[in-house]
Amino acid sequence: MPKMKTRKAAASRYKVTGTGKVKYKKQGSRHILTKKTSKRKRKLRKLSVLSAPETKRVKLLMPYA
């Protein structure tokens, strides 16, 4: 049986932790930052964790993660 291919688009957007949770970078921190508050920009810097149903969908795209 050949190896399954990883979807590279998903691999570049998501990282899997040791416990199996999926981390991702929040949207909205690329441009038009002048109108966003400092508090909002600070919170956008941190990685976030996907919900359980979304995690199942992402793991289908990354079979070896």
C-alpha atoms as a PDB file:
ATOM      1  CA  MET A   1       0.000   0.000   0.000  1.00  0.00           C
ATOM      2  CA  PRO A   2       1.529   3.373  -0.932  1.00  0.00           C
ATOM      3  CA  LYS A   3       1.950   6.171   1.553  1.00  0.00           C
ATOM      4  CA  MET A   4      -0.852   8.704   1.884  1.00  0.00           C
ATOM      5  CA  LYS A   5      -0.023  12.246   0.835  1.00  0.00           C
ATOM      6  CA  THR A   6      -0.302  15.137   3.273  1.00  0.00           C
ATOM      7  CA  ARG A   7      -2.239  18.171   2.070  1.00  0.00           C
ATOM      8  CA  LYS A   8       0.493  20.804   2.103  1.00  0.00           C
ATOM      9  CA  ALA A   9      -1.984  23.672   2.432  1.00  0.00           C
ATOM     10  CA  ALA A  10      -3.214  22.198   5.714  1.00  0.00           C
ATOM     11  CA  ALA A  11       0.295  21.349   6.902  1.00  0.00           C
ATOM     12  CA  SER A  12       1.397  24.957   6.481  1.00  0.00           C
ATOM     13  CA  ARG A  13      -1.603  26.350   8.379  1.00  0.00           C
ATOM     14  CA  TYR A  14      -1.880  23.918  11.278  1.00  0.00           C
ATOM     15  CA  LYS A  15       0.481  22.353  13.802  1.00  0.00           C
ATOM     16  CA  VAL A  16      -0.399  19.328  15.945  1.00  0.00           C
ATOM     17  CA  THR A  17       0.639  19.253  19.601  1.00  0.00           C
ATOM     18  CA  GLY A  18       1.887  16.197  21.433  1.00  0.00           C
ATOM     19  CA  THR A  19      -1.540  15.582  22.933  1.00  0.00           C
ATOM     20  CA  GLY A  20      -3.230  15.718  19.518  1.00  0.00           C
ATOM     21  CA  LYS A  21      -4.686  19.220  19.645  1.00  0.00           C
ATOM     22  CA  VAL A  22      -4.439  21.351  16.517  1.00  0.00           C
ATOM     23  CA  LYS A  23      -3.015  24.876  16.754  1.00  0.00           C
ATOM     24  CA  TYR A  24      -3.485  27.645  14.194  1.00  0.00           C
ATOM     25  CA  LYS A  25      -2.696  31.338  13.773  1.00  0.00           C
ATOM     26  CA  LYS A  26      -5.655  33.672  14.090  1.00  0.00           C
ATOM     27  CA  GLN A  27      -6.840  35.708  11.142  1.00  0.00           C
ATOM     28  CA  GLY A  28      -6.820  39.485  10.937  1.00  0.00           C
ATOM     29  CA  SER A  29      -3.242  40.354  11.859  1.00  0.00           C
ATOM     30  CA  ARG A  30      -1.784  40.992   8.388  1.00  0.00           C
ATOM     31  CA  HIS A  31      -2.866  44.483   7.356  1.00  0.00           C
ATOM     32  CA  ILE A  32      -5.096  47.441   8.298  1.00  0.00           C
ATOM     33  CA  LEU A  33      -3.650  47.327  11.801  1.00  0.00           C
ATOM     34  CA  THR A  34      -4.007  51.043  12.523  1.00  0.00           C
ATOM     35  CA  LYS A  35      -7.709  50.836  13.324  1.00  0.00           C
ATOM     36  CA  LYS A  36      -7.291  47.808  15.604  1.00  0.00           C
ATOM     37  CA  THR A  37      -6.681  48.350  19.296  1.00  0.00           C
ATOM     38  CA  SER A  38      -3.449  47.282  20.952  1.00  0.00           C
ATOM     39  CA  LYS A  39      -5.340  44.744  23.038  1.00  0.00           C
ATOM     40  CA  ARG A  40      -6.846  43.170  19.938  1.00  0.00           C
ATOM     41  CA  LYS A  41      -3.498  43.027  18.121  1.00  0.00           C
ATOM     42  CA  ARG A  42      -1.845  41.483  21.172  1.00  0.00           C
ATOM     43  CA  LYS A  43      -4.472  38.738  21.323  1.00  0.00           C
ATOM     44  CA  LEU A  44      -4.065  38.023  17.606  1.00  0.00           C
ATOM     45  CA  ARG A  45      -0.375  37.202  18.118  1.00  0.00           C
ATOM     46  CA  LYS A  46      -1.090  34.056  20.103  1.00  0.00           C
ATOM     47  CA  LEU A  47      -1.865  30.694  18.553  1.00  0.00           C
ATOM     48  CA  SER A  48      -5.318  29.274  19.124  1.00  0.00           C
ATOM     49  CA  VAL A  49      -6.640  25.710  19.402  1.00  0.00           C
ATOM     50  CA  LEU A  50      -9.235  24.277  17.051  1.00  0.00           C
ATOM     51  CA  SER A  51     -12.491  22.856  18.392  1.00  0.00           C
ATOM     52  CA  ALA A  52     -12.971  19.079  18.481  1.00  0.00           C
ATOM     53  CA  PRO A  53     -15.162  18.797  15.344  1.00  0.00           C
ATOM     54  CA  GLU A  54     -12.772  20.976  13.327  1.00  0.00           C
ATOM     55  CA  THR A  55      -9.803  18.950  14.592  1.00  0.00           C
ATOM     56  CA  LYS A  56     -11.285  15.783  13.096  1.00  0.00           C
ATOM     57  CA  ARG A  57     -11.647  17.464   9.710  1.00  0.00           C
ATOM     58  CA  VAL A  58      -8.082  18.797   9.706  1.00  0.00           C
ATOM     59  CA  LYS A  59      -6.583  15.464  10.748  1.00  0.00           C
ATOM     60  CA  LEU A  60      -8.103  13.859   7.649  1.00  0.00           C
ATOM     61  CA  LEU A  61      -5.966  16.206   5.580  1.00  0.00           C
ATOM     62  CA  MET A  62      -2.812  15.385   7.536  1.00  0.00           C
ATOM     63  CA  PRO A  63      -2.753  11.568   7.944  1.00  0.00           C
ATOM     64  CA  TYR A  64       0.599  11.376   9.730  1.00  0.00           C
ATOM     65  CA  ALA A  65       0.153  14.270  12.154  1.00  0.00           C
END
